[in-house]
Amino acid sequence: QSGCGCRGDAGLAHVGCLAEAAAHREQPGDTDGWDHCVICGQRFTGPMQMGLAEARWSKVQGLDEANEGRLRAGVSLAKALTGQGRYAESEAKARQLLAVAERVAGVDSDLATDARRALRGALSAQNKNSEVEASAVEEVSRYRPLRGPQETDTLTRLMHLESMFKKNLEQECSFDDAIATLQEGRDLQQSLVGAEHTTPMSSTLMIAQTLNEHSRHHEAEPMLRELLNMQHRVLGAEHPTTLCTDHTLCEALLGQRKCGEAESRCREVLAGRLRVLGADHPDTVLTREMLSAIPRAH
């Protein structure tokens, strides 16, 4: 299987072999081999991520629930479940881990923070946005004394921009303001971590998706093509995020009646999602449904 950014045969490996290698390399406080490829440095995705998370979780079953290694393995499993579209399972696992981490290590510990972020990922995938926002606000309020005012103010600014975007989007007359606000947040992210970091790339995708939702497909298309070129170079063609961008480009093309290219791309996205995510993943189902609807546009 593949599941990282390595190209060609370098990206192929058996889950069992990687799990054995990760266990051999594992040191207290250093478990990157379970989550990241040691060659390209990219976080594992898809079935490879899930297989390694399950192997790691199986390895720690005999440990006490308060054991740090067990908690970290559980967080990896929760994130992998979200990646596989098993959102309810991920949410339940993350809530359980968060309760233990807060009790054992404290609410401000790295363990609790990791569990909290895994929970937010599962909640966000289910559109439980009010709880996601409340959790993020609470975390930032605790972040200031730990990391200092400058970093906290940056996080607060990003959250403020996101909140402004959502409020402006509710008022159709302020749609341009909403997009401008989201772009400002994306630009701030780029100034902090660079344009090729996954965070500003995700924000660019959100901007394009919002443009599509408001039938401004001609604006979304060039943005998505540029983003795709970057993602192909940085993440690889079959990274789940790259496939999501390609799916969104198909939507932009369909919105402009460019059905020929949309159909061709959609078939490629579906093939990629089948290989990476599986036939029953919600994203795969979404692409399959879009492809089935394209002939009616010809």
Protein backbone atom coordinates (compact mmCIF):
# COMPACT_ATOMS: atom_id res chain seq x y z
CA GLN A 1 0.00 0.00 0.00
CA SER A 2 0.94 3.64 -0.35
CA GLY A 3 -0.02 6.40 2.04
CA CYS A 4 2.62 9.12 2.02
CA GLY A 5 4.33 11.55 -0.35
CA CYS A 6 6.97 9.14 -1.68
CA ARG A 7 6.75 8.68 -5.46
CA GLY A 8 6.85 5.39 -7.34
CA ASP A 9 7.88 2.16 -5.65
CA ALA A 10 9.38 4.11 -2.74
CA GLY A 11 5.86 4.83 -1.55
CA LEU A 12 4.79 1.17 -1.45
CA ALA A 13 5.09 -0.93 1.69
CA HIS A 14 3.27 -3.54 3.77
CA VAL A 15 1.50 -2.18 6.83
CA GLY A 16 2.97 -4.97 8.92
CA CYS A 17 6.52 -4.14 7.86
CA LEU A 18 6.09 -0.45 8.66
CA ALA A 19 4.47 -1.28 12.00
CA GLU A 20 7.41 -3.51 12.91
CA ALA A 21 9.87 -0.79 11.91
CA ALA A 22 7.95 1.88 13.85
CA ALA A 23 7.90 -0.30 16.97
CA HIS A 24 11.64 -0.92 16.65
CA ARG A 25 12.42 2.82 16.31
CA GLU A 26 10.00 3.95 19.00
CA GLN A 27 11.53 5.83 21.91
CA PRO A 28 9.86 7.59 24.87
CA GLY A 29 8.48 10.86 23.52
CA ASP A 30 9.33 9.96 19.91
CA THR A 31 6.70 7.95 18.06
CA ASP A 32 6.85 9.68 14.68
CA GLY A 33 7.42 6.39 12.88
CA TRP A 34 3.80 5.45 13.51
CA ASP A 35 2.35 8.66 12.08
CA HIS A 36 4.92 9.94 9.55
CA CYS A 37 6.96 8.42 6.74
CA VAL A 38 10.64 8.48 7.76
CA ILE A 39 11.65 9.05 4.12
CA CYS A 40 9.44 11.92 2.93
CA GLY A 41 8.32 13.15 6.36
CA GLN A 42 4.67 13.32 5.33
CA ARG A 43 1.91 12.14 7.65
CA PHE A 44 0.43 8.80 6.58
CA THR A 45 -3.07 8.83 5.10
CA GLY A 46 -5.74 6.40 3.99
CA PRO A 47 -5.56 2.65 4.66
CA MET A 48 -1.88 2.93 5.61
CA GLN A 49 -2.69 5.44 8.36
CA MET A 50 -5.54 3.24 9.56
CA GLY A 51 -3.51 0.05 9.48
CA LEU A 52 -0.64 1.54 11.44
CA ALA A 53 -3.00 3.14 13.97
CA GLU A 54 -4.74 -0.19 14.55
CA ALA A 55 -1.40 -2.00 14.90
CA ARG A 56 -0.18 0.60 17.38
CA TRP A 57 -3.43 0.46 19.38
CA SER A 58 -3.26 -3.34 19.51
CA LYS A 59 0.29 -3.13 20.82
CA VAL A 60 -0.74 -1.09 23.92
CA GLN A 61 -3.91 -2.94 24.92
CA GLY A 62 -2.26 -4.50 27.96
CA LEU A 63 -1.27 -1.13 29.42
CA ASP A 64 -3.19 0.91 31.98
CA GLU A 65 -5.60 3.45 30.48
CA ALA A 66 -3.54 6.26 32.05
CA ASN A 67 -0.33 5.16 30.33
CA GLU A 68 1.04 7.93 28.08
CA GLY A 69 1.91 5.55 25.25
CA ARG A 70 -1.60 4.11 25.31
CA LEU A 71 -3.16 7.57 25.23
CA ARG A 72 -1.03 8.70 22.31
CA ALA A 73 -1.81 5.52 20.40
CA GLY A 74 -5.50 6.15 21.02
CA VAL A 75 -5.29 9.69 19.67
CA SER A 76 -3.64 8.36 16.50
CA LEU A 77 -6.47 5.85 16.16
CA ALA A 78 -9.10 8.56 16.59
CA LYS A 79 -7.49 10.67 13.86
CA ALA A 80 -7.26 7.66 11.55
CA LEU A 81 -10.95 6.89 12.09
CA THR A 82 -11.81 10.44 11.03
CA GLY A 83 -9.63 10.00 7.95
CA GLN A 84 -11.63 6.88 7.07
CA GLY A 85 -14.96 8.67 7.42
CA ARG A 86 -15.86 6.84 10.65
CA TYR A 87 -16.69 10.07 12.40
CA ALA A 88 -18.96 8.82 15.18
CA GLU A 89 -16.41 6.20 16.24
CA SER A 90 -13.68 8.80 16.20
CA GLU A 91 -15.72 11.21 18.31
CA ALA A 92 -16.47 8.56 20.93
CA LYS A 93 -12.83 7.46 21.11
CA ALA A 94 -11.53 11.04 21.35
CA ARG A 95 -13.99 11.96 24.12
CA GLN A 96 -12.92 8.94 26.12
CA LEU A 97 -9.22 9.72 25.66
CA LEU A 98 -9.70 13.41 26.49
CA ALA A 99 -11.38 12.60 29.79
CA VAL A 100 -8.50 10.32 30.80
CA ALA A 101 -5.80 12.74 29.59
CA GLU A 102 -7.29 15.68 31.49
CA ARG A 103 -7.60 13.60 34.66
CA VAL A 104 -4.10 12.11 34.48
CA ALA A 105 -1.97 14.81 32.84
CA GLY A 106 -4.08 17.96 33.28
CA VAL A 107 -6.18 20.11 30.96
CA ASP A 108 -3.14 22.08 29.73
CA SER A 109 -1.01 19.02 28.93
CA ASP A 110 0.12 18.11 25.43
CA LEU A 111 -1.78 14.84 25.77
CA ALA A 112 -5.06 16.63 26.49
CA THR A 113 -4.42 19.13 23.70
CA ASP A 114 -3.81 16.34 21.18
CA ALA A 115 -6.96 14.52 22.26
CA ARG A 116 -8.96 17.75 22.11
CA ARG A 117 -7.78 18.42 18.56
CA ALA A 118 -8.64 14.88 17.51
CA LEU A 119 -12.11 15.44 18.92
CA ARG A 120 -12.48 18.74 17.04
CA GLY A 121 -11.54 16.99 13.82
CA ALA A 122 -14.29 14.40 14.30
CA LEU A 123 -16.82 17.06 15.30
CA SER A 124 -15.95 19.31 12.36
CA ALA A 125 -16.44 16.43 9.93
CA GLN A 126 -19.97 16.06 11.33
CA ASN A 127 -20.65 19.82 11.09
CA LYS A 128 -20.94 20.16 14.87
CA ASN A 129 -19.47 23.61 14.51
CA SER A 130 -20.71 25.22 17.71
CA GLU A 131 -18.84 22.71 19.86
CA VAL A 132 -15.76 23.00 17.64
CA GLU A 133 -15.71 26.78 18.05
CA ALA A 134 -16.30 26.61 21.81
CA SER A 135 -13.42 24.15 22.18
CA ALA A 136 -11.08 26.34 20.12
CA VAL A 137 -11.97 29.47 22.10
CA GLU A 138 -11.37 27.65 25.37
CA GLU A 139 -8.00 26.37 24.18
CA VAL A 140 -6.82 29.82 23.11
CA SER A 141 -7.81 31.23 26.52
CA ARG A 142 -5.45 28.71 28.13
CA TYR A 143 -2.77 29.21 25.49
CA ARG A 144 -1.74 32.75 26.50
CA PRO A 145 0.01 32.02 29.84
CA LEU A 146 1.70 28.96 28.36
CA ARG A 147 2.99 30.38 25.06
CA GLY A 148 2.96 34.14 25.51
CA PRO A 149 0.76 36.97 24.23
CA GLN A 150 2.23 37.30 20.73
CA GLU A 151 1.42 33.75 19.62
CA THR A 152 -1.92 33.87 21.41
CA ASP A 153 -2.87 37.14 19.73
CA THR A 154 -2.12 35.60 16.34
CA LEU A 155 -4.36 32.65 17.08
CA THR A 156 -7.06 34.98 18.39
CA ARG A 157 -6.80 37.06 15.21
CA LEU A 158 -7.22 33.98 13.03
CA MET A 159 -10.26 32.87 15.02
CA HIS A 160 -11.73 36.39 14.81
CA LEU A 161 -11.32 36.38 11.03
CA GLU A 162 -12.99 32.98 10.77
CA SER A 163 -15.88 34.19 12.93
CA MET A 164 -16.24 37.33 10.79
CA PHE A 165 -16.27 35.18 7.66
CA LYS A 166 -19.12 33.02 8.98
CA LYS A 167 -21.16 36.05 10.06
CA ASN A 168 -20.63 37.87 6.75
CA LEU A 169 -21.53 34.75 4.82
CA GLU A 170 -24.94 34.68 6.49
CA GLN A 171 -25.67 38.05 4.84
CA GLU A 172 -25.68 37.67 1.05
CA CYS A 173 -24.98 41.36 0.54
CA SER A 174 -21.67 40.90 2.41
CA PHE A 175 -20.39 37.91 0.46
CA ASP A 176 -17.43 39.82 -0.99
CA ASP A 177 -16.50 40.93 2.53
CA ALA A 178 -16.68 37.31 3.69
CA ILE A 179 -14.29 36.16 0.96
CA ALA A 180 -11.92 39.04 1.62
CA THR A 181 -11.89 38.17 5.32
CA LEU A 182 -11.12 34.53 4.60
CA GLN A 183 -8.33 35.56 2.25
CA GLU A 184 -6.89 37.83 4.94
CA GLY A 185 -6.77 34.87 7.31
CA ARG A 186 -5.12 32.72 4.64
CA ASP A 187 -2.52 35.40 3.99
CA LEU A 188 -1.77 35.62 7.72
CA GLN A 189 -1.27 31.86 7.82
CA GLN A 190 1.10 32.02 4.85
CA SER A 191 3.16 34.73 6.55
CA LEU A 192 3.57 32.44 9.56
CA VAL A 193 4.22 29.03 8.00
CA GLY A 194 4.68 29.58 4.26
CA ALA A 195 2.40 29.04 1.28
CA GLU A 196 3.20 25.32 0.96
CA HIS A 197 2.12 24.45 4.50
CA THR A 198 -1.08 22.41 4.71
CA THR A 199 -2.92 25.03 6.81
CA PRO A 200 -2.98 27.89 4.23
CA MET A 201 -3.56 25.31 1.48
CA SER A 202 -6.68 24.16 3.35
CA SER A 203 -7.82 27.79 3.67
CA THR A 204 -7.40 28.32 -0.08
CA LEU A 205 -9.51 25.24 -0.70
CA MET A 206 -12.19 26.61 1.65
CA ILE A 207 -12.24 29.89 -0.28
CA ALA A 208 -12.71 28.03 -3.57
CA GLN A 209 -15.44 25.81 -2.11
CA THR A 210 -17.28 28.88 -0.85
CA LEU A 211 -17.03 30.49 -4.28
CA ASN A 212 -18.48 27.33 -5.84
CA GLU A 213 -21.34 27.30 -3.36
CA HIS A 214 -22.27 30.81 -4.51
CA SER A 215 -21.98 29.96 -8.23
CA ARG A 216 -18.78 31.96 -8.76
CA HIS A 217 -17.17 29.00 -10.47
CA HIS A 218 -15.10 31.12 -12.86
CA GLU A 219 -13.26 32.61 -9.85
CA ALA A 220 -12.78 29.26 -8.13
CA GLU A 221 -11.33 27.46 -11.17
CA PRO A 222 -7.96 29.28 -11.53
CA MET A 223 -7.50 29.26 -7.74
CA LEU A 224 -8.04 25.50 -7.67
CA ARG A 225 -5.71 24.82 -10.61
CA GLU A 226 -2.91 26.74 -8.91
CA LEU A 227 -3.55 24.96 -5.62
CA LEU A 228 -3.58 21.57 -7.35
CA ASN A 229 -0.18 22.21 -8.93
CA MET A 230 1.24 22.98 -5.47
CA GLN A 231 -0.41 19.97 -3.84
CA HIS A 232 0.83 17.61 -6.55
CA ARG A 233 4.35 18.85 -5.88
CA VAL A 234 4.15 18.92 -2.07
CA LEU A 235 1.63 16.22 -1.11
CA GLY A 236 1.34 13.96 -4.12
CA ALA A 237 -1.50 13.28 -6.54
CA GLU A 238 -3.36 10.79 -4.34
CA HIS A 239 -3.13 12.55 -1.00
CA PRO A 240 -6.72 12.87 0.34
CA THR A 241 -6.42 16.67 0.42
CA THR A 242 -5.24 16.76 -3.21
CA LEU A 243 -8.14 14.56 -4.23
CA CYS A 244 -10.53 16.88 -2.38
CA THR A 245 -9.18 19.86 -4.33
CA ASP A 246 -9.54 17.94 -7.61
CA HIS A 247 -13.13 17.07 -6.71
CA THR A 248 -13.82 20.74 -6.00
CA LEU A 249 -12.31 21.67 -9.39
CA CYS A 250 -14.72 19.22 -11.02
CA GLU A 251 -17.57 21.11 -9.35
CA ALA A 252 -16.21 24.42 -10.67
CA LEU A 253 -15.96 22.98 -14.19
CA LEU A 254 -19.48 21.58 -14.07
CA GLY A 255 -20.77 24.94 -12.91
CA GLN A 256 -19.38 26.41 -16.13
CA ARG A 257 -20.74 23.55 -18.29
CA LYS A 258 -17.22 22.29 -19.03
CA CYS A 259 -18.57 18.77 -18.85
CA GLY A 260 -15.91 16.98 -20.88
CA GLU A 261 -12.99 17.89 -18.63
CA ALA A 262 -15.19 17.56 -15.55
CA GLU A 263 -16.10 13.98 -16.43
CA SER A 264 -12.51 13.01 -17.18
CA ARG A 265 -11.22 14.53 -13.94
CA CYS A 266 -14.08 13.08 -11.92
CA ARG A 267 -13.23 9.56 -13.12
CA GLU A 268 -9.61 10.08 -12.04
CA VAL A 269 -10.69 11.42 -8.64
CA LEU A 270 -13.04 8.48 -8.13
CA ALA A 271 -10.30 5.99 -9.01
CA GLY A 272 -7.94 7.72 -6.59
CA ARG A 273 -10.45 7.83 -3.77
CA LEU A 274 -11.31 4.17 -4.28
CA ARG A 275 -7.63 3.27 -3.93
CA VAL A 276 -6.88 5.62 -1.02
CA LEU A 277 -10.12 5.80 0.95
CA GLY A 278 -12.17 2.79 -0.12
CA ALA A 279 -15.57 2.40 -1.74
CA ASP A 280 -17.66 3.26 1.31
CA HIS A 281 -15.88 6.41 2.45
CA PRO A 282 -18.22 9.46 2.38
CA ASP A 283 -15.85 11.33 0.03
CA THR A 284 -15.78 8.41 -2.41
CA VAL A 285 -19.57 8.22 -2.37
CA LEU A 286 -19.78 11.96 -3.07
CA THR A 287 -17.51 11.71 -6.13
CA ARG A 288 -19.38 8.66 -7.43
CA GLU A 289 -22.67 10.54 -7.17
CA MET A 290 -21.24 13.56 -8.97
CA LEU A 291 -19.91 11.37 -11.79
CA SER A 292 -23.27 9.67 -12.22
CA ALA A 293 -24.92 13.08 -12.64
CA ILE A 294 -22.49 14.42 -15.27
CA PRO A 295 -24.04 12.69 -18.33
CA ARG A 296 -27.23 14.64 -17.75
CA ALA A 297 -25.22 17.85 -18.28
CA HIS A 298 -23.98 16.79 -21.77
